[in-house]
Amino acid sequence: MDKIKVFLNEAAQFFREVKVELQKVTFPTRQEAFGSTIVVLVLTVIMGAYLGLSDWVLAKLVKIILQVG
C-alpha cells in the first residue's frame, strides 16, 4: 500500500511540474509558423532536386565506367 501512495505522490508531483513547464512555453504565431513551413518546403525541393541530379549524374558515370571495362 505504501508503494501505491509513493507512486501516486510522485505522479502528482510530475504533473504539477509539467503544468509549470507548459506555462513557460511560447508557441509561434500564425505568421511565424507559416514562414517556417515555407522555408522547410523550399529547402525540401532544393535538396530533392540536388539529390536527384546527383543520383542521375552518378548513375550515368557508373554506366559509362561499366561499359568501358
PDB file of N, CA and C in Angstrom:
ATOM      1  N   MET A   1       0.824  -1.195   0.000  1.00  0.00           N
ATOM      2  CA  MET A   1       0.000   0.000   0.000  1.00  0.00           C
ATOM      3  C   MET A   1       0.868   1.258   0.000  1.00  0.00           C
ATOM      4  N   ASP A   2       2.005   1.193   0.690  1.00  0.00           N
ATOM      5  CA  ASP A   2       2.901   2.350   0.706  1.00  0.00           C
ATOM      6  C   ASP A   2       3.460   2.638  -0.685  1.00  0.00           C
ATOM      7  N   LYS A   3       3.725   1.582  -1.441  1.00  0.00           N
ATOM      8  CA  LYS A   3       4.256   1.776  -2.789  1.00  0.00           C
ATOM      9  C   LYS A   3       3.258   2.519  -3.665  1.00  0.00           C
ATOM     10  N   ILE A   4       1.989   2.224  -3.489  1.00  0.00           N
ATOM     11  CA  ILE A   4       0.951   2.887  -4.277  1.00  0.00           C
ATOM     12  C   ILE A   4       0.884   4.369  -3.913  1.00  0.00           C
ATOM     13  N   LYS A   5       0.962   4.675  -2.611  1.00  0.00           N
ATOM     14  CA  LYS A   5       0.925   6.075  -2.176  1.00  0.00           C
ATOM     15  C   LYS A   5       2.140   6.837  -2.701  1.00  0.00           C
ATOM     16  N   VAL A   6       3.294   6.208  -2.642  1.00  0.00           N
ATOM     17  CA  VAL A   6       4.516   6.846  -3.147  1.00  0.00           C
ATOM     18  C   VAL A   6       4.387   7.098  -4.638  1.00  0.00           C
ATOM     19  N   PHE A   7       3.902   6.090  -5.364  1.00  0.00           N
ATOM     20  CA  PHE A   7       3.720   6.234  -6.806  1.00  0.00           C
ATOM     21  C   PHE A   7       2.755   7.372  -7.128  1.00  0.00           C
ATOM     22  N   LEU A   8       1.629   7.435  -6.425  1.00  0.00           N
ATOM     23  CA  LEU A   8       0.642   8.481  -6.679  1.00  0.00           C
ATOM     24  C   LEU A   8       1.194   9.864  -6.343  1.00  0.00           C
ATOM     25  N   ASN A   9       1.968   9.964  -5.258  1.00  0.00           N
ATOM     26  CA  ASN A   9       2.577  11.253  -4.900  1.00  0.00           C
ATOM     27  C   ASN A   9       3.583  11.688  -5.958  1.00  0.00           C
ATOM     28  N   GLU A  10       4.391  10.752  -6.447  1.00  0.00           N
ATOM     29  CA  GLU A  10       5.371  11.075  -7.487  1.00  0.00           C
ATOM     30  C   GLU A  10       4.687  11.459  -8.791  1.00  0.00           C
ATOM     31  N   ALA A  11       3.603  10.759  -9.128  1.00  0.00           N
ATOM     32  CA  ALA A  11       2.857  11.081 -10.346  1.00  0.00           C
ATOM     33  C   ALA A  11       2.233  12.473 -10.232  1.00  0.00           C
ATOM     34  N   ALA A  12       1.675  12.784  -9.071  1.00  0.00           N
ATOM     35  CA  ALA A  12       1.077  14.106  -8.869  1.00  0.00           C
ATOM     36  C   ALA A  12       2.148  15.189  -8.974  1.00  0.00           C
ATOM     37  N   GLN A  13       3.308  14.955  -8.370  1.00  0.00           N
ATOM     38  CA  GLN A  13       4.413  15.909  -8.463  1.00  0.00           C
ATOM     39  C   GLN A  13       4.845  16.104  -9.912  1.00  0.00           C
ATOM     40  N   PHE A  14       4.932  15.014 -10.648  1.00  0.00           N
ATOM     41  CA  PHE A  14       5.302  15.080 -12.061  1.00  0.00           C
ATOM     42  C   PHE A  14       4.340  15.962 -12.835  1.00  0.00           C
ATOM     43  N   PHE A  15       3.046  15.764 -12.636  1.00  0.00           N
ATOM     44  CA  PHE A  15       2.064  16.547 -13.384  1.00  0.00           C
ATOM     45  C   PHE A  15       2.054  18.013 -12.958  1.00  0.00           C
ATOM     46  N   ARG A  16       2.353  18.295 -11.686  1.00  0.00           N
ATOM     47  CA  ARG A  16       2.491  19.692 -11.261  1.00  0.00           C
ATOM     48  C   ARG A  16       3.669  20.346 -11.982  1.00  0.00           C
ATOM     49  N   GLU A  17       4.772  19.618 -12.085  1.00  0.00           N
ATOM     50  CA  GLU A  17       5.954  20.143 -12.780  1.00  0.00           C
ATOM     51  C   GLU A  17       5.685  20.331 -14.271  1.00  0.00           C
ATOM     52  N   VAL A  18       4.930  19.409 -14.863  1.00  0.00           N
ATOM     53  CA  VAL A  18       4.565  19.535 -16.276  1.00  0.00           C
ATOM     54  C   VAL A  18       3.741  20.797 -16.488  1.00  0.00           C
ATOM     55  N   LYS A  19       2.800  21.047 -15.602  1.00  0.00           N
ATOM     56  CA  LYS A  19       1.955  22.236 -15.712  1.00  0.00           C
ATOM     57  C   LYS A  19       2.803  23.509 -15.632  1.00  0.00           C
ATOM     58  N   VAL A  20       3.762  23.548 -14.720  1.00  0.00           N
ATOM     59  CA  VAL A  20       4.639  24.716 -14.582  1.00  0.00           C
ATOM     60  C   VAL A  20       5.464  24.909 -15.854  1.00  0.00           C
ATOM     61  N   GLU A  21       6.005  23.827 -16.396  1.00  0.00           N
ATOM     62  CA  GLU A  21       6.824  23.933 -17.608  1.00  0.00           C
ATOM     63  C   GLU A  21       5.992  24.363 -18.810  1.00  0.00           C
ATOM     64  N   LEU A  22       4.770  23.867 -18.921  1.00  0.00           N
ATOM     65  CA  LEU A  22       3.907  24.249 -20.046  1.00  0.00           C
ATOM     66  C   LEU A  22       3.535  25.720 -19.997  1.00  0.00           C
ATOM     67  N   GLN A  23       3.517  26.314 -18.820  1.00  0.00           N
ATOM     68  CA  GLN A  23       3.219  27.740 -18.716  1.00  0.00           C
ATOM     69  C   GLN A  23       4.378  28.575 -19.269  1.00  0.00           C
ATOM     70  N   LYS A  24       5.572  27.998 -19.341  1.00  0.00           N
ATOM     71  CA  LYS A  24       6.741  28.700 -19.866  1.00  0.00           C
ATOM     72  C   LYS A  24       6.840  28.618 -21.390  1.00  0.00           C
ATOM     73  N   VAL A  25       6.066  27.744 -22.005  1.00  0.00           N
ATOM     74  CA  VAL A  25       6.154  27.517 -23.445  1.00  0.00           C
ATOM     75  C   VAL A  25       5.543  28.690 -24.196  1.00  0.00           C
ATOM     76  N   THR A  26       6.256  29.128 -25.238  1.00  0.00           N
ATOM     77  CA  THR A  26       5.688  30.145 -26.118  1.00  0.00           C
ATOM     78  C   THR A  26       5.528  29.515 -27.499  1.00  0.00           C
ATOM     79  N   PHE A  27       4.333  29.521 -27.986  1.00  0.00           N
ATOM     80  CA  PHE A  27       4.037  28.936 -29.281  1.00  0.00           C
ATOM     81  C   PHE A  27       4.217  29.986 -30.366  1.00  0.00           C
ATOM     82  N   PRO A  28       4.607  29.553 -31.569  1.00  0.00           N
ATOM     83  CA  PRO A  28       4.800  30.536 -32.642  1.00  0.00           C
ATOM     84  C   PRO A  28       3.467  31.128 -33.082  1.00  0.00           C
ATOM     85  N   THR A  29       3.561  32.356 -33.596  1.00  0.00           N
ATOM     86  CA  THR A  29       2.360  32.981 -34.148  1.00  0.00           C
ATOM     87  C   THR A  29       2.023  32.305 -35.470  1.00  0.00           C
ATOM     88  N   ARG A  30       0.867  32.631 -35.999  1.00  0.00           N
ATOM     89  CA  ARG A  30       0.449  32.058 -37.279  1.00  0.00           C
ATOM     90  C   ARG A  30       1.443  32.431 -38.388  1.00  0.00           C
ATOM     91  N   GLN A  31       1.913  33.681 -38.384  1.00  0.00           N
ATOM     92  CA  GLN A  31       2.866  34.126 -39.401  1.00  0.00           C
ATOM     93  C   GLN A  31       4.199  33.397 -39.264  1.00  0.00           C
ATOM     94  N   GLU A  32       4.670  33.211 -38.045  1.00  0.00           N
ATOM     95  CA  GLU A  32       5.938  32.507 -37.833  1.00  0.00           C
ATOM     96  C   GLU A  32       5.833  31.053 -38.293  1.00  0.00           C
ATOM     97  N   ALA A  33       4.718  30.417 -37.975  1.00  0.00           N
ATOM     98  CA  ALA A  33       4.522  29.026 -38.389  1.00  0.00           C
ATOM     99  C   ALA A  33       4.450  28.933 -39.916  1.00  0.00           C
ATOM    100  N   PHE A  34       3.757  29.866 -40.533  1.00  0.00           N
ATOM    101  CA  PHE A  34       3.647  29.885 -41.997  1.00  0.00           C
ATOM    102  C   PHE A  34       5.016  30.101 -42.631  1.00  0.00           C
ATOM    103  N   GLY A  35       5.779  31.051 -42.107  1.00  0.00           N
ATOM    104  CA  GLY A  35       7.114  31.327 -42.628  1.00  0.00           C
ATOM    105  C   GLY A  35       8.035  30.124 -42.504  1.00  0.00           C
ATOM    106  N   SER A  36       7.991  29.470 -41.357  1.00  0.00           N
ATOM    107  CA  SER A  36       8.823  28.280 -41.153  1.00  0.00           C
ATOM    108  C   SER A  36       8.424  27.160 -42.109  1.00  0.00           C
ATOM    109  N   THR A  37       7.133  27.007 -42.341  1.00  0.00           N
ATOM    110  CA  THR A  37       6.651  25.980 -43.257  1.00  0.00           C
ATOM    111  C   THR A  37       7.156  26.239 -44.674  1.00  0.00           C
ATOM    112  N   ILE A  38       7.111  27.497 -45.107  1.00  0.00           N
ATOM    113  CA  ILE A  38       7.596  27.853 -46.442  1.00  0.00           C
ATOM    114  C   ILE A  38       9.083  27.546 -46.567  1.00  0.00           C
ATOM    115  N   VAL A  39       9.859  27.896 -45.542  1.00  0.00           N
ATOM    116  CA  VAL A  39      11.302  27.624 -45.565  1.00  0.00           C
ATOM    117  C   VAL A  39      11.558  26.129 -45.692  1.00  0.00           C
ATOM    118  N   VAL A  40      10.843  25.322 -44.927  1.00  0.00           N
ATOM    119  CA  VAL A  40      11.020  23.868 -44.974  1.00  0.00           C
ATOM    120  C   VAL A  40      10.662  23.330 -46.349  1.00  0.00           C
ATOM    121  N   LEU A  41       9.564  23.794 -46.913  1.00  0.00           N
ATOM    122  CA  LEU A  41       9.150  23.315 -48.236  1.00  0.00           C
ATOM    123  C   LEU A  41      10.161  23.691 -49.314  1.00  0.00           C
ATOM    124  N   VAL A  42      10.646  24.923 -49.295  1.00  0.00           N
ATOM    125  CA  VAL A  42      11.624  25.363 -50.292  1.00  0.00           C
ATOM    126  C   VAL A  42      12.911  24.559 -50.170  1.00  0.00           C
ATOM    127  N   LEU A  43      13.404  24.400 -48.949  1.00  0.00           N
ATOM    128  CA  LEU A  43      14.634  23.622 -48.757  1.00  0.00           C
ATOM    129  C   LEU A  43      14.452  22.157 -49.147  1.00  0.00           C
ATOM    130  N   THR A  44      13.268  21.616 -48.921  1.00  0.00           N
ATOM    131  CA  THR A  44      12.998  20.237 -49.309  1.00  0.00           C
ATOM    132  C   THR A  44      13.049  20.087 -50.824  1.00  0.00           C
ATOM    133  N   VAL A  45      12.473  21.039 -51.537  1.00  0.00           N
ATOM    134  CA  VAL A  45      12.504  20.999 -53.004  1.00  0.00           C
ATOM    135  C   VAL A  45      13.938  21.137 -53.509  1.00  0.00           C
ATOM    136  N   ILE A  46      14.686  22.071 -52.928  1.00  0.00           N
ATOM    137  CA  ILE A  46      16.073  22.274 -53.350  1.00  0.00           C
ATOM    138  C   ILE A  46      16.908  21.018 -53.092  1.00  0.00           C
ATOM    139  N   MET A  47      16.781  20.447 -51.915  1.00  0.00           N
ATOM    140  CA  MET A  47      17.553  19.244 -51.593  1.00  0.00           C
ATOM    141  C   MET A  47      17.121  18.063 -52.463  1.00  0.00           C
ATOM    142  N   GLY A  48      15.836  17.945 -52.734  1.00  0.00           N
ATOM    143  CA  GLY A  48      15.357  16.878 -53.611  1.00  0.00           C
ATOM    144  C   GLY A  48      15.921  17.006 -55.008  1.00  0.00           C
ATOM    145  N   ALA A  49      15.942  18.232 -55.521  1.00  0.00           N
ATOM    146  CA  ALA A  49      16.499  18.461 -56.857  1.00  0.00           C
ATOM    147  C   ALA A  49      17.992  18.154 -56.877  1.00  0.00           C
ATOM    148  N   TYR A  50      18.697  18.602 -55.851  1.00  0.00           N
ATOM    149  CA  TYR A  50      20.140  18.347 -55.769  1.00  0.00           C
ATOM    150  C   TYR A  50      20.436  16.848 -55.700  1.00  0.00           C
ATOM    151  N   LEU A  51      19.736  16.150 -54.830  1.00  0.00           N
ATOM    152  CA  LEU A  51      19.968  14.706 -54.691  1.00  0.00           C
ATOM    153  C   LEU A  51      19.558  13.955 -55.955  1.00  0.00           C
ATOM    154  N   GLY A  52      18.465  14.376 -56.581  1.00  0.00           N
ATOM    155  CA  GLY A  52      18.037  13.736 -57.823  1.00  0.00           C
ATOM    156  C   GLY A  52      19.054  13.929 -58.932  1.00  0.00           C
ATOM    157  N   LEU A  53      19.559  15.148 -59.067  1.00  0.00           N
ATOM    158  CA  LEU A  53      20.564  15.438 -60.079  1.00  0.00           C
ATOM    159  C   LEU A  53      21.859  14.674 -59.793  1.00  0.00           C
ATOM    160  N   SER A  54      22.269  14.657 -58.534  1.00  0.00           N
ATOM    161  CA  SER A  54      23.486  13.918 -58.161  1.00  0.00           C
ATOM    162  C   SER A  54      23.332  12.430 -58.471  1.00  0.00           C
ATOM    163  N   ASP A  55      22.186  11.879 -58.156  1.00  0.00           N
ATOM    164  CA  ASP A  55      21.933  10.469 -58.427  1.00  0.00           C
ATOM    165  C   ASP A  55      21.999  10.186 -59.922  1.00  0.00           C
ATOM    166  N   TRP A  56      21.385  11.068 -60.711  1.00  0.00           N
ATOM    167  CA  TRP A  56      21.367  10.890 -62.158  1.00  0.00           C
ATOM    168  C   TRP A  56      22.789  10.937 -62.730  1.00  0.00           C
ATOM    169  N   VAL A  57      23.581  11.925 -62.289  1.00  0.00           N
ATOM    170  CA  VAL A  57      24.951  12.064 -62.779  1.00  0.00           C
ATOM    171  C   VAL A  57      25.788  10.846 -62.388  1.00  0.00           C
ATOM    172  N   LEU A  58      25.699  10.439 -61.135  1.00  0.00           N
ATOM    173  CA  LEU A  58      26.479   9.285 -60.693  1.00  0.00           C
ATOM    174  C   LEU A  58      26.051   8.001 -61.400  1.00  0.00           C
ATOM    175  N   ALA A  59      24.757   7.852 -61.657  1.00  0.00           N
ATOM    176  CA  ALA A  59      24.282   6.669 -62.382  1.00  0.00           C
ATOM    177  C   ALA A  59      24.854   6.655 -63.798  1.00  0.00           C
ATOM    178  N   LYS A  60      24.881   7.822 -64.443  1.00  0.00           N
ATOM    179  CA  LYS A  60      25.471   7.899 -65.799  1.00  0.00           C
ATOM    180  C   LYS A  60      26.962   7.562 -65.757  1.00  0.00           C
ATOM    181  N   LEU A  61      27.688   8.078 -64.767  1.00  0.00           N
ATOM    182  CA  LEU A  61      29.113   7.784 -64.644  1.00  0.00           C
ATOM    183  C   LEU A  61      29.377   6.291 -64.440  1.00  0.00           C
ATOM    184  N   VAL A  62      28.601   5.684 -63.571  1.00  0.00           N
ATOM    185  CA  VAL A  62      28.760   4.247 -63.337  1.00  0.00           C
ATOM    186  C   VAL A  62      28.462   3.469 -64.606  1.00  0.00           C
ATOM    187  N   LYS A  63      27.434   3.868 -65.337  1.00  0.00           N
ATOM    188  CA  LYS A  63      27.085   3.193 -66.589  1.00  0.00           C
ATOM    189  C   LYS A  63      28.219   3.317 -67.592  1.00  0.00           C
ATOM    190  N   ILE A  64      28.804   4.487 -67.707  1.00  0.00           N
ATOM    191  CA  ILE A  64      29.935   4.704 -68.630  1.00  0.00           C
ATOM    192  C   ILE A  64      31.135   3.850 -68.211  1.00  0.00           C
ATOM    193  N   ILE A  65      31.442   3.845 -66.931  1.00  0.00           N
ATOM    194  CA  ILE A  65      32.594   3.094 -66.431  1.00  0.00           C
ATOM    195  C   ILE A  65      32.404   1.595 -66.687  1.00  0.00           C
ATOM    196  N   LEU A  66      31.212   1.091 -66.452  1.00  0.00           N
ATOM    197  CA  LEU A  66      30.973  -0.351 -66.628  1.00  0.00           C
ATOM    198  C   LEU A  66      30.958  -0.742 -68.102  1.00  0.00           C
ATOM    199  N   GLN A  67      30.582   0.140 -68.988  1.00  0.00           N
ATOM    200  CA  GLN A  67      30.590  -0.161 -70.407  1.00  0.00           C
ATOM    201  C   GLN A  67      32.009  -0.205 -70.965  1.00  0.00           C
ATOM    202  N   VAL A  68      32.891   0.638 -70.421  1.00  0.00           N
ATOM    203  CA  VAL A  68      34.280   0.683 -70.891  1.00  0.00           C
ATOM    204  C   VAL A  68      35.018  -0.592 -70.506  1.00  0.00           C
ATOM    205  N   GLY A  69      34.796  -1.057 -69.270  1.00  0.00           N
ATOM    206  CA  GLY A  69      35.538  -2.203 -68.749  1.00  0.00           C
ATOM    207  C   GLY A  69      35.079  -3.457 -69.382  1.00  0.00           C
TER     208      GLY A  69
END
